[in-house]
Amino acid sequence: MIYGIRGNATVLYWIRQSQGLKGYEKKPVQPANFAEMKKDIQHKKLEEENKELRELLRVAELRADLWQHAIEIAEKKFNIEILKKYGAQPSTASISKDQKKK
């Protein structure tokens, strides 16, 4: 008996004991819960879709800001009004063109 080792199984017992296992007990295996797995898969798909839609929204907002700034710069540079004012009356030239077409 060297170092208190009595048999072949003692070293194996020490290894299992250091891993938190007692003897040769096996951990109970939980049965697969397919409904829960399916719900997790759907949840992941929805998260992916949400992430993609947020990115598309971010890009659309950047484009809208870009167009707004481009219009503002053009209005200042060329001293013209590009954006239509709501409730504004059409110019007389526009009215005469529309009447000629009819």
N, C-alpha and C. Protein backbone atom coordinates (compact mmCIF):
# COMPACT_ATOMS: atom_id res chain seq x y z
N MET A 1 0.85 -1.16 0.00
CA MET A 1 0.00 0.00 0.00
C MET A 1 0.91 1.24 0.00
N ILE A 2 1.08 1.81 -1.19
CA ILE A 2 1.92 2.98 -1.36
C ILE A 2 1.02 4.21 -1.41
N TYR A 3 1.33 5.24 -0.62
CA TYR A 3 0.61 6.51 -0.59
C TYR A 3 -0.88 6.35 -0.28
N GLY A 4 -1.25 5.31 0.35
CA GLY A 4 -2.65 5.10 0.75
C GLY A 4 -3.52 4.59 -0.38
N ILE A 5 -2.92 4.13 -1.48
CA ILE A 5 -3.68 3.59 -2.60
C ILE A 5 -3.88 2.10 -2.34
N ARG A 6 -5.14 1.70 -2.14
CA ARG A 6 -5.42 0.32 -1.77
C ARG A 6 -5.71 -0.57 -2.97
N GLY A 7 -6.25 0.00 -4.02
CA GLY A 7 -6.61 -0.85 -5.15
C GLY A 7 -6.63 -0.04 -6.44
N ASN A 8 -6.96 -0.71 -7.53
CA ASN A 8 -7.00 -0.06 -8.84
C ASN A 8 -8.09 1.00 -8.94
N ALA A 9 -9.19 0.84 -8.25
CA ALA A 9 -10.32 1.74 -8.36
C ALA A 9 -10.13 3.01 -7.54
N THR A 10 -9.14 3.08 -6.68
CA THR A 10 -8.95 4.25 -5.82
C THR A 10 -8.63 5.49 -6.63
N VAL A 11 -7.76 5.39 -7.60
CA VAL A 11 -7.40 6.54 -8.44
C VAL A 11 -8.62 7.01 -9.23
N LEU A 12 -9.37 6.07 -9.78
CA LEU A 12 -10.59 6.41 -10.51
C LEU A 12 -11.59 7.09 -9.57
N TYR A 13 -11.70 6.60 -8.35
CA TYR A 13 -12.58 7.20 -7.35
C TYR A 13 -12.15 8.63 -7.05
N TRP A 14 -10.84 8.88 -6.92
CA TRP A 14 -10.34 10.23 -6.66
C TRP A 14 -10.67 11.17 -7.82
N ILE A 15 -10.52 10.69 -9.03
CA ILE A 15 -10.82 11.52 -10.22
C ILE A 15 -12.29 11.89 -10.23
N ARG A 16 -13.14 10.92 -10.02
CA ARG A 16 -14.58 11.21 -10.01
C ARG A 16 -14.96 12.12 -8.86
N GLN A 17 -14.32 11.95 -7.73
CA GLN A 17 -14.61 12.79 -6.57
C GLN A 17 -14.18 14.23 -6.84
N SER A 18 -13.06 14.44 -7.52
CA SER A 18 -12.59 15.80 -7.81
C SER A 18 -13.47 16.47 -8.86
N GLN A 19 -14.15 15.68 -9.69
CA GLN A 19 -15.06 16.23 -10.70
C GLN A 19 -16.45 16.48 -10.12
N GLY A 20 -16.66 16.14 -8.88
CA GLY A 20 -17.95 16.38 -8.26
C GLY A 20 -18.89 15.20 -8.38
N LEU A 21 -18.40 14.07 -8.88
CA LEU A 21 -19.24 12.88 -9.00
C LEU A 21 -18.98 11.95 -7.82
N LYS A 22 -19.99 11.29 -7.36
CA LYS A 22 -19.82 10.36 -6.25
C LYS A 22 -19.85 8.95 -6.80
N GLY A 23 -18.77 8.26 -6.67
CA GLY A 23 -18.71 6.87 -7.11
C GLY A 23 -18.99 6.73 -8.59
N TYR A 24 -19.82 5.77 -8.90
CA TYR A 24 -20.14 5.50 -10.30
C TYR A 24 -21.53 5.97 -10.69
N GLU A 25 -22.09 6.88 -9.92
CA GLU A 25 -23.43 7.37 -10.22
C GLU A 25 -23.42 8.15 -11.53
N LYS A 26 -24.41 7.93 -12.33
CA LYS A 26 -24.56 8.68 -13.57
C LYS A 26 -25.55 9.81 -13.35
N LYS A 27 -25.34 10.89 -14.04
CA LYS A 27 -26.28 12.00 -13.96
C LYS A 27 -27.56 11.62 -14.69
N PRO A 28 -28.71 11.98 -14.13
CA PRO A 28 -29.96 11.63 -14.81
C PRO A 28 -30.08 12.42 -16.12
N VAL A 29 -30.48 11.72 -17.16
CA VAL A 29 -30.63 12.33 -18.47
C VAL A 29 -32.06 12.83 -18.61
N GLN A 30 -32.19 14.12 -18.89
CA GLN A 30 -33.50 14.72 -19.06
C GLN A 30 -34.03 14.37 -20.46
N PRO A 31 -35.29 13.99 -20.56
CA PRO A 31 -35.85 13.73 -21.89
C PRO A 31 -35.94 15.04 -22.69
N ALA A 32 -35.75 14.91 -23.98
CA ALA A 32 -35.79 16.09 -24.85
C ALA A 32 -37.19 16.69 -24.88
N ASN A 33 -37.24 18.00 -24.77
CA ASN A 33 -38.51 18.72 -24.81
C ASN A 33 -38.59 19.41 -26.18
N PHE A 34 -39.22 18.72 -27.13
CA PHE A 34 -39.23 19.22 -28.51
C PHE A 34 -40.05 20.50 -28.66
N ALA A 35 -41.09 20.65 -27.87
CA ALA A 35 -41.89 21.89 -27.94
C ALA A 35 -41.04 23.08 -27.52
N GLU A 36 -40.24 22.89 -26.49
CA GLU A 36 -39.36 23.96 -26.01
C GLU A 36 -38.27 24.26 -27.04
N MET A 37 -37.75 23.22 -27.68
CA MET A 37 -36.73 23.40 -28.71
C MET A 37 -37.30 24.16 -29.90
N LYS A 38 -38.52 23.82 -30.29
CA LYS A 38 -39.15 24.50 -31.42
C LYS A 38 -39.40 25.96 -31.08
N LYS A 39 -39.81 26.24 -29.84
CA LYS A 39 -40.04 27.60 -29.42
C LYS A 39 -38.73 28.40 -29.45
N ASP A 40 -37.64 27.77 -29.03
CA ASP A 40 -36.34 28.43 -29.06
C ASP A 40 -35.91 28.76 -30.49
N ILE A 41 -36.15 27.84 -31.40
CA ILE A 41 -35.80 28.07 -32.81
C ILE A 41 -36.61 29.22 -33.37
N GLN A 42 -37.91 29.26 -33.08
CA GLN A 42 -38.76 30.35 -33.55
C GLN A 42 -38.31 31.67 -32.94
N HIS A 43 -37.94 31.64 -31.68
CA HIS A 43 -37.47 32.85 -30.99
C HIS A 43 -36.20 33.38 -31.66
N LYS A 44 -35.29 32.48 -31.99
CA LYS A 44 -34.04 32.89 -32.66
C LYS A 44 -34.33 33.47 -34.04
N LYS A 45 -35.27 32.86 -34.78
CA LYS A 45 -35.62 33.37 -36.10
C LYS A 45 -36.22 34.77 -35.99
N LEU A 46 -37.09 34.97 -35.00
CA LEU A 46 -37.69 36.29 -34.81
C LEU A 46 -36.65 37.33 -34.41
N GLU A 47 -35.68 36.94 -33.61
CA GLU A 47 -34.62 37.87 -33.24
C GLU A 47 -33.79 38.25 -34.46
N GLU A 48 -33.49 37.27 -35.33
CA GLU A 48 -32.74 37.55 -36.55
C GLU A 48 -33.53 38.51 -37.45
N GLU A 49 -34.82 38.24 -37.62
CA GLU A 49 -35.66 39.09 -38.46
C GLU A 49 -35.73 40.50 -37.88
N ASN A 50 -35.86 40.60 -36.56
CA ASN A 50 -35.91 41.90 -35.90
C ASN A 50 -34.61 42.67 -36.13
N LYS A 51 -33.50 41.97 -36.04
CA LYS A 51 -32.19 42.60 -36.26
C LYS A 51 -32.07 43.11 -37.69
N GLU A 52 -32.51 42.32 -38.66
CA GLU A 52 -32.47 42.73 -40.07
C GLU A 52 -33.36 43.94 -40.32
N LEU A 53 -34.57 43.93 -39.74
CA LEU A 53 -35.49 45.04 -39.93
C LEU A 53 -34.97 46.32 -39.28
N ARG A 54 -34.33 46.21 -38.14
CA ARG A 54 -33.73 47.39 -37.50
C ARG A 54 -32.63 47.97 -38.38
N GLU A 55 -31.84 47.11 -39.01
CA GLU A 55 -30.78 47.59 -39.90
C GLU A 55 -31.38 48.28 -41.12
N LEU A 56 -32.44 47.70 -41.69
CA LEU A 56 -33.10 48.33 -42.83
C LEU A 56 -33.69 49.69 -42.45
N LEU A 57 -34.27 49.78 -41.27
CA LEU A 57 -34.81 51.05 -40.79
C LEU A 57 -33.70 52.08 -40.63
N ARG A 58 -32.57 51.67 -40.10
CA ARG A 58 -31.45 52.58 -39.91
C ARG A 58 -30.96 53.12 -41.26
N VAL A 59 -30.87 52.25 -42.25
CA VAL A 59 -30.44 52.67 -43.58
C VAL A 59 -31.45 53.62 -44.21
N ALA A 60 -32.75 53.32 -44.05
CA ALA A 60 -33.79 54.18 -44.61
C ALA A 60 -33.76 55.57 -43.96
N GLU A 61 -33.54 55.61 -42.64
CA GLU A 61 -33.46 56.90 -41.96
C GLU A 61 -32.24 57.70 -42.43
N LEU A 62 -31.12 57.00 -42.66
CA LEU A 62 -29.93 57.69 -43.17
C LEU A 62 -30.18 58.26 -44.57
N ARG A 63 -30.88 57.49 -45.41
CA ARG A 63 -31.20 57.98 -46.76
C ARG A 63 -32.10 59.21 -46.70
N ALA A 64 -33.10 59.16 -45.82
CA ALA A 64 -34.02 60.29 -45.68
C ALA A 64 -33.27 61.53 -45.22
N ASP A 65 -32.36 61.36 -44.26
CA ASP A 65 -31.56 62.50 -43.79
C ASP A 65 -30.68 63.04 -44.92
N LEU A 66 -30.09 62.14 -45.70
CA LEU A 66 -29.24 62.55 -46.81
C LEU A 66 -30.03 63.38 -47.82
N TRP A 67 -31.22 62.92 -48.19
CA TRP A 67 -32.05 63.66 -49.14
C TRP A 67 -32.45 65.02 -48.58
N GLN A 68 -32.80 65.06 -47.30
CA GLN A 68 -33.20 66.32 -46.67
C GLN A 68 -32.04 67.32 -46.71
N HIS A 69 -30.85 66.86 -46.39
CA HIS A 69 -29.69 67.76 -46.42
C HIS A 69 -29.36 68.20 -47.84
N ALA A 70 -29.50 67.28 -48.80
CA ALA A 70 -29.24 67.64 -50.20
C ALA A 70 -30.21 68.71 -50.68
N ILE A 71 -31.46 68.60 -50.30
CA ILE A 71 -32.47 69.59 -50.68
C ILE A 71 -32.16 70.94 -50.03
N GLU A 72 -31.79 70.92 -48.75
CA GLU A 72 -31.46 72.17 -48.07
C GLU A 72 -30.26 72.86 -48.72
N ILE A 73 -29.24 72.09 -49.07
CA ILE A 73 -28.05 72.67 -49.71
C ILE A 73 -28.41 73.24 -51.08
N ALA A 74 -29.22 72.50 -51.85
CA ALA A 74 -29.61 72.99 -53.17
C ALA A 74 -30.45 74.25 -53.06
N GLU A 75 -31.35 74.31 -52.09
CA GLU A 75 -32.16 75.52 -51.90
C GLU A 75 -31.29 76.73 -51.58
N LYS A 76 -30.28 76.54 -50.73
CA LYS A 76 -29.39 77.64 -50.37
C LYS A 76 -28.50 78.04 -51.54
N LYS A 77 -27.94 77.05 -52.23
CA LYS A 77 -26.98 77.32 -53.30
C LYS A 77 -27.64 77.99 -54.50
N PHE A 78 -28.81 77.49 -54.91
CA PHE A 78 -29.47 78.01 -56.11
C PHE A 78 -30.57 79.02 -55.78
N ASN A 79 -30.81 79.25 -54.50
CA ASN A 79 -31.80 80.21 -54.05
C ASN A 79 -33.19 79.93 -54.64
N ILE A 80 -33.59 78.65 -54.56
CA ILE A 80 -34.91 78.25 -55.03
C ILE A 80 -35.58 77.41 -53.94
N GLU A 81 -36.89 77.33 -54.01
CA GLU A 81 -37.62 76.48 -53.08
C GLU A 81 -37.94 75.16 -53.77
N ILE A 82 -37.39 74.10 -53.24
CA ILE A 82 -37.61 72.78 -53.83
C ILE A 82 -38.80 72.09 -53.17
N LEU A 83 -38.86 72.19 -51.85
CA LEU A 83 -39.97 71.55 -51.14
C LEU A 83 -41.25 72.32 -51.37
N LYS A 84 -42.30 71.59 -51.63
CA LYS A 84 -43.59 72.20 -51.89
C LYS A 84 -44.22 72.57 -50.55
N LYS A 85 -44.73 73.75 -50.48
CA LYS A 85 -45.41 74.21 -49.27
C LYS A 85 -46.86 73.74 -49.33
N TYR A 86 -47.35 73.16 -48.25
CA TYR A 86 -48.72 72.69 -48.21
C TYR A 86 -49.67 73.88 -48.18
N GLY A 87 -50.68 73.80 -49.00
CA GLY A 87 -51.68 74.86 -49.05
C GLY A 87 -51.29 76.01 -49.95
N ALA A 88 -50.14 75.92 -50.61
CA ALA A 88 -49.70 77.00 -51.49
C ALA A 88 -50.50 76.95 -52.79
N GLN A 89 -50.78 78.12 -53.35
CA GLN A 89 -51.52 78.21 -54.61
C GLN A 89 -50.54 77.97 -55.77
N PRO A 90 -50.96 77.23 -56.80
CA PRO A 90 -50.08 77.03 -57.95
C PRO A 90 -49.87 78.35 -58.69
N SER A 91 -48.72 78.45 -59.34
CA SER A 91 -48.42 79.68 -60.07
C SER A 91 -49.36 79.81 -61.26
N THR A 92 -49.49 81.02 -61.80
CA THR A 92 -50.39 81.26 -62.93
C THR A 92 -49.89 80.56 -64.18
N ALA A 93 -48.59 80.37 -64.31
CA ALA A 93 -48.04 79.67 -65.48
C ALA A 93 -48.48 78.21 -65.45
N SER A 94 -48.52 77.61 -64.27
CA SER A 94 -48.95 76.22 -64.15
C SER A 94 -50.41 76.07 -64.50
N ILE A 95 -51.21 77.01 -64.08
CA ILE A 95 -52.65 76.95 -64.37
C ILE A 95 -52.89 77.05 -65.86
N SER A 96 -52.21 77.96 -66.55
CA SER A 96 -52.44 78.14 -67.99
C SER A 96 -51.97 76.90 -68.77
N LYS A 97 -50.89 76.24 -68.34
CA LYS A 97 -50.42 75.02 -69.02
C LYS A 97 -51.44 73.90 -68.88
N ASP A 98 -52.02 73.76 -67.68
CA ASP A 98 -53.01 72.71 -67.43
C ASP A 98 -54.27 72.94 -68.26
N GLN A 99 -54.66 74.20 -68.43
CA GLN A 99 -55.88 74.49 -69.19
C GLN A 99 -55.65 74.25 -70.67
N LYS A 100 -54.43 74.48 -71.16
CA LYS A 100 -54.14 74.27 -72.58
C LYS A 100 -54.17 72.78 -72.93
N LYS A 101 -53.77 71.93 -72.00
CA LYS A 101 -53.73 70.48 -72.25
C LYS A 101 -55.13 69.93 -72.38
N LYS A 102 -56.11 70.51 -71.74
CA LYS A 102 -57.49 69.97 -71.77
C LYS A 102 -58.18 70.29 -73.01
